[in-house]
Amino acid sequence: MSTRWLKPCLGLLLGLFLLGGEGRAEELVTALSSDVVSIQSNFTGTEIVIFGQIGMDPQTLSRPGRYDIIIKVVGPDQQITTRRKGRFLGVWVNRDYETFVAVPSFYSLASTGRVGELGGRELLDAHALGLNHLNLPVSGSSHVPLSERDDFREAFLRLRTEQGLYAERPESIEFLTNTMFRTTVPLPANIPVGKYSIQGFLIQDGVLLSRTEQELAVAKIGFEQVTYNLARHHPLVYGVLAVILATVTGWLAGVIFRKD
């Protein structure tokens, strides 16, 4: 076995060993191929592999029927504004807008089937399972009529999906054995940095049997991290340095290409 997968597999075995002493009927155990994603200047996107195992108490009879799995990956919250264009004096300009607050910067859902068929609305809403069940609160200063807010919600989800930041991938979880599974989660090049939550759900006949949660860190490293920290935490210093760098670069170019 490749050493790349050794750590996740050992984590699964340890989790199952601990479950054996707790006397639970079913329990979901998951592990990540890597719990850190590093972003450099040449970053073009990557993927993480999530392994899982359905642990069972050997003294408990297996339930009849099929087990379903949902894996949800959620990025840090952001405030995002969606705008709608309209004609003004014959020109298309941004007119109406809706600001969504505390919404996931990244959202990816993998499941063994269509998520709407795996559980009732109450369960899906409670855990935000599926784009149709994702809570998207709007700013209290919204001037959009209630009758048009669904249009902005649909536009928001469509744009985030086109950018590769929101995804719903039914039947993308592969069972390796009757109880062991894996799935791959693509991370696009424009993925935001921060702490990500990896949540797993074990469901049967619409009933949530077990869930698990882990953390994934997406971080810039090297020069990218320095510039990111300056722009985020010290914008004035970042702006001054950017002006100085542009001035020096322009002066050097003038010296190099100056005609005698």
Protein backbone atom coordinates (compact mmCIF):
# COMPACT_ATOMS: atom_id res chain seq x y z
CA MET A 1 0.00 0.00 0.00
CA SER A 2 1.28 3.49 -0.86
CA THR A 3 2.43 5.51 2.13
CA ARG A 4 0.16 8.31 0.92
CA TRP A 5 -2.90 6.41 2.15
CA LEU A 6 -1.26 4.85 5.23
CA LYS A 7 -2.24 7.61 7.65
CA PRO A 8 -5.97 7.70 6.66
CA CYS A 9 -6.21 3.89 6.81
CA LEU A 10 -4.58 3.77 10.25
CA GLY A 11 -7.06 6.42 11.38
CA LEU A 12 -9.96 4.27 10.18
CA LEU A 13 -8.64 1.18 11.97
CA LEU A 14 -8.15 3.13 15.21
CA GLY A 15 -11.64 4.58 14.99
CA LEU A 16 -13.18 1.14 14.47
CA PHE A 17 -11.19 -0.25 17.39
CA LEU A 18 -12.52 2.46 19.68
CA LEU A 19 -16.06 1.93 18.44
CA GLY A 20 -15.89 -1.74 19.29
CA GLY A 21 -15.69 -0.88 22.97
CA GLU A 22 -18.63 1.53 22.93
CA GLY A 23 -21.30 -0.99 21.97
CA ARG A 24 -22.91 1.14 19.26
CA ALA A 25 -24.92 -0.45 16.47
CA GLU A 26 -23.53 1.64 13.59
CA GLU A 27 -20.99 4.39 13.51
CA LEU A 28 -19.43 6.33 10.66
CA VAL A 29 -15.65 6.78 10.61
CA THR A 30 -13.92 8.96 7.98
CA ALA A 31 -10.34 9.99 7.15
CA LEU A 32 -8.78 12.47 4.72
CA SER A 33 -5.90 11.87 2.33
CA SER A 34 -4.53 15.22 3.55
CA ASP A 35 -5.78 17.69 6.15
CA VAL A 36 -3.82 20.64 4.68
CA VAL A 37 -4.00 22.12 1.16
CA SER A 38 -1.13 24.52 0.35
CA ILE A 39 -1.63 27.22 -2.28
CA GLN A 40 1.36 28.56 -4.19
CA SER A 41 1.66 30.83 -7.22
CA ASN A 42 1.40 27.84 -9.60
CA PHE A 43 -1.67 26.36 -7.89
CA THR A 44 -4.20 25.21 -10.50
CA GLY A 45 -6.51 23.24 -8.25
CA THR A 46 -6.30 19.87 -6.59
CA GLU A 47 -8.45 17.20 -5.02
CA ILE A 48 -8.74 15.43 -1.70
CA VAL A 49 -9.74 11.83 -1.15
CA ILE A 50 -12.09 10.97 1.71
CA PHE A 51 -12.17 7.39 2.99
CA GLY A 52 -14.89 6.01 5.20
CA GLN A 53 -15.99 2.92 7.06
CA ILE A 54 -19.31 1.95 8.56
CA GLY A 55 -18.39 0.44 11.93
CA MET A 56 -20.79 -2.06 13.49
CA ASP A 57 -21.05 -3.64 16.92
CA PRO A 58 -20.50 -7.37 16.29
CA GLN A 59 -23.25 -8.21 18.80
CA THR A 60 -25.83 -6.20 16.88
CA LEU A 61 -27.64 -7.62 13.84
CA SER A 62 -27.26 -5.63 10.65
CA ARG A 63 -30.31 -3.63 9.64
CA PRO A 64 -31.99 -4.82 6.45
CA GLY A 65 -31.75 -2.43 3.54
CA ARG A 66 -29.12 -0.16 2.09
CA TYR A 67 -26.92 2.35 3.84
CA ASP A 68 -26.51 5.77 2.23
CA ILE A 69 -23.62 8.17 2.71
CA ILE A 70 -23.43 11.95 2.31
CA ILE A 71 -20.13 13.84 2.50
CA LYS A 72 -20.34 17.64 2.78
CA VAL A 73 -17.37 20.02 2.45
CA VAL A 74 -18.03 23.59 3.60
CA GLY A 75 -15.66 26.57 3.44
CA PRO A 76 -15.51 29.60 5.74
CA ASP A 77 -18.46 32.01 5.70
CA GLN A 78 -18.43 35.08 3.47
CA GLN A 79 -20.64 38.03 2.61
CA ILE A 80 -21.43 37.99 -1.12
CA THR A 81 -23.43 40.44 -3.22
CA THR A 82 -25.36 39.32 -6.30
CA ARG A 83 -26.33 42.05 -8.78
CA ARG A 84 -28.90 42.22 -11.55
CA LYS A 85 -28.37 44.32 -14.67
CA GLY A 86 -31.01 46.56 -16.16
CA ARG A 87 -31.25 49.11 -18.98
CA PHE A 88 -30.69 52.76 -18.09
CA LEU A 89 -30.73 55.31 -20.92
CA GLY A 90 -30.07 52.52 -23.38
CA VAL A 91 -27.08 51.12 -21.46
CA TRP A 92 -26.95 47.91 -19.41
CA VAL A 93 -25.88 48.75 -15.83
CA ASN A 94 -26.07 47.10 -12.43
CA ARG A 95 -29.41 48.05 -10.90
CA ASP A 96 -30.85 45.82 -8.17
CA TYR A 97 -28.68 43.75 -5.84
CA GLU A 98 -29.03 41.32 -2.94
CA THR A 99 -26.37 40.79 -0.28
CA PHE A 100 -26.11 37.31 1.20
CA VAL A 101 -24.47 37.21 4.64
CA ALA A 102 -22.68 34.34 6.40
CA VAL A 103 -22.94 31.99 3.41
CA PRO A 104 -20.35 29.27 2.65
CA SER A 105 -17.49 30.43 0.43
CA PHE A 106 -17.25 26.83 -0.78
CA TYR A 107 -19.82 24.03 -0.74
CA SER A 108 -19.44 20.53 -2.16
CA LEU A 109 -21.79 17.63 -1.56
CA ALA A 110 -21.08 14.01 -2.53
CA SER A 111 -23.68 11.29 -1.96
CA THR A 112 -24.56 7.72 -2.85
CA GLY A 113 -27.77 8.87 -4.55
CA ARG A 114 -29.86 11.94 -5.24
CA VAL A 115 -29.84 13.81 -1.97
CA GLY A 116 -33.55 14.65 -2.17
CA GLU A 117 -34.32 10.93 -2.09
CA LEU A 118 -32.11 10.09 0.90
CA GLY A 119 -34.02 11.90 3.63
CA GLY A 120 -37.01 14.03 4.46
CA ARG A 121 -37.05 17.81 4.17
CA GLU A 122 -36.68 18.30 7.92
CA LEU A 123 -33.44 16.28 8.00
CA LEU A 124 -32.01 17.90 4.87
CA ASP A 125 -32.85 21.42 6.04
CA ALA A 126 -31.45 20.83 9.52
CA HIS A 127 -28.02 19.84 8.15
CA ALA A 128 -28.07 21.93 4.93
CA LEU A 129 -27.76 18.83 2.74
CA GLY A 130 -28.14 19.88 -0.87
CA LEU A 131 -28.20 23.26 -2.61
CA ASN A 132 -31.98 23.40 -2.37
CA HIS A 133 -31.72 23.06 1.41
CA LEU A 134 -28.87 25.53 1.91
CA ASN A 135 -29.76 28.48 4.14
CA LEU A 136 -28.80 31.74 2.41
CA PRO A 137 -29.67 34.62 4.77
CA VAL A 138 -29.85 38.10 3.24
CA SER A 139 -28.88 41.46 4.63
CA GLY A 140 -31.45 43.25 6.75
CA SER A 141 -31.10 46.31 4.50
CA SER A 142 -32.35 44.44 1.42
CA HIS A 143 -34.64 46.47 -0.88
CA VAL A 144 -35.53 43.54 -3.13
CA PRO A 145 -39.26 42.67 -3.07
CA LEU A 146 -40.07 39.32 -1.47
CA SER A 147 -41.55 38.11 -4.76
CA GLU A 148 -38.16 38.51 -6.48
CA ARG A 149 -35.82 37.10 -3.82
CA ASP A 150 -36.02 33.59 -5.23
CA ASP A 151 -34.61 34.96 -8.52
CA PHE A 152 -31.56 36.32 -6.71
CA ARG A 153 -31.11 33.06 -4.81
CA GLU A 154 -31.18 31.06 -8.05
CA ALA A 155 -28.73 33.50 -9.68
CA PHE A 156 -26.40 33.26 -6.67
CA LEU A 157 -26.36 29.45 -6.78
CA ARG A 158 -25.90 29.40 -10.56
CA LEU A 159 -22.93 31.80 -10.45
CA ARG A 160 -21.22 29.94 -7.60
CA THR A 161 -21.71 26.65 -9.45
CA GLU A 162 -20.27 28.07 -12.68
CA GLN A 163 -17.22 29.25 -10.70
CA GLY A 164 -16.69 25.72 -9.37
CA LEU A 165 -17.24 26.85 -5.78
CA TYR A 166 -20.59 25.09 -5.29
CA ALA A 167 -21.23 21.53 -6.43
CA GLU A 168 -23.68 18.72 -5.82
CA ARG A 169 -22.43 15.32 -7.04
CA PRO A 170 -24.91 12.47 -6.61
CA GLU A 171 -23.69 8.87 -6.92
CA SER A 172 -20.06 10.01 -6.56
CA ILE A 173 -19.30 7.85 -3.51
CA GLU A 174 -17.80 4.46 -4.34
CA PHE A 175 -18.18 1.49 -1.99
CA LEU A 176 -14.95 -0.54 -1.96
CA THR A 177 -16.52 -3.24 0.25
CA ASN A 178 -19.91 -3.61 1.91
CA THR A 179 -18.88 -1.12 4.58
CA MET A 180 -15.83 0.79 3.25
CA PHE A 181 -16.18 3.66 0.79
CA ARG A 182 -14.28 6.54 -0.76
CA THR A 183 -14.95 9.71 -2.71
CA THR A 184 -12.90 12.44 -4.35
CA VAL A 185 -13.63 16.13 -3.83
CA PRO A 186 -12.25 18.54 -6.48
CA LEU A 187 -10.89 21.85 -5.17
CA PRO A 188 -10.72 24.58 -7.87
CA ALA A 189 -7.86 27.04 -8.35
CA ASN A 190 -9.98 29.90 -6.98
CA ILE A 191 -10.78 28.16 -3.70
CA PRO A 192 -10.79 30.59 -0.74
CA VAL A 193 -8.32 30.08 2.09
CA GLY A 194 -9.41 29.24 5.62
CA LYS A 195 -10.72 26.40 7.75
CA TYR A 196 -13.02 23.91 6.04
CA SER A 197 -15.47 21.52 7.66
CA ILE A 198 -15.71 17.94 6.31
CA GLN A 199 -18.96 16.36 7.49
CA GLY A 200 -20.10 12.79 6.92
CA PHE A 201 -23.64 11.45 7.35
CA LEU A 202 -24.77 7.82 7.56
CA ILE A 203 -28.43 7.47 6.60
CA GLN A 204 -30.80 4.57 6.17
CA ASP A 205 -34.46 4.82 5.12
CA GLY A 206 -34.38 8.56 5.75
CA VAL A 207 -33.06 8.19 9.31
CA LEU A 208 -29.72 9.69 10.37
CA LEU A 209 -27.78 6.93 12.13
CA SER A 210 -24.41 8.61 12.62
CA ARG A 211 -22.36 11.63 11.61
CA THR A 212 -18.76 12.70 11.75
CA GLU A 213 -16.86 15.97 11.31
CA GLN A 214 -13.23 16.81 10.53
CA GLU A 215 -11.30 19.94 9.66
CA LEU A 216 -9.34 20.81 6.53
CA ALA A 217 -7.00 23.80 6.27
CA VAL A 218 -6.53 25.66 2.98
CA ALA A 219 -3.64 28.11 3.27
CA LYS A 220 -1.28 30.15 1.13
CA ILE A 221 2.43 29.60 1.71
CA GLY A 222 5.61 31.52 0.94
CA PHE A 223 5.40 34.90 -0.81
CA GLU A 224 1.70 34.42 -1.51
CA GLN A 225 1.02 34.16 2.23
CA VAL A 226 2.96 37.36 2.95
CA THR A 227 1.09 39.39 0.32
CA TYR A 228 -2.25 37.89 1.39
CA ASN A 229 -1.67 38.83 5.04
CA LEU A 230 -0.60 42.35 4.10
CA ALA A 231 -3.63 42.93 1.86
CA ARG A 232 -6.03 41.52 4.45
CA HIS A 233 -4.64 42.85 7.72
CA HIS A 234 -2.53 45.87 6.66
CA PRO A 235 -4.15 47.29 3.50
CA LEU A 236 -2.44 50.69 3.81
CA VAL A 237 1.04 49.14 3.97
CA TYR A 238 0.14 46.81 1.09
CA GLY A 239 -1.03 49.77 -1.03
CA VAL A 240 2.13 51.81 -0.35
CA LEU A 241 4.40 48.85 -1.16
CA ALA A 242 2.44 48.17 -4.36
CA VAL A 243 2.90 51.79 -5.50
CA ILE A 244 6.62 51.70 -4.67
CA LEU A 245 7.09 48.40 -6.52
CA ALA A 246 5.24 49.73 -9.59
CA THR A 247 7.35 52.92 -9.58
CA VAL A 248 10.65 51.05 -9.27
CA THR A 249 9.62 48.57 -11.97
CA GLY A 250 8.69 51.41 -14.33
CA TRP A 251 11.98 53.21 -13.67
CA LEU A 252 14.01 50.05 -14.29
CA ALA A 253 12.16 49.40 -17.54
CA GLY A 254 12.89 52.96 -18.65
CA VAL A 255 16.59 52.54 -17.87
CA ILE A 256 16.88 49.19 -19.60
CA PHE A 257 15.09 50.20 -22.79
CA ARG A 258 16.27 53.81 -22.96
CA LYS A 259 17.75 54.76 -26.31
CA ASP A 260 21.19 56.36 -26.29
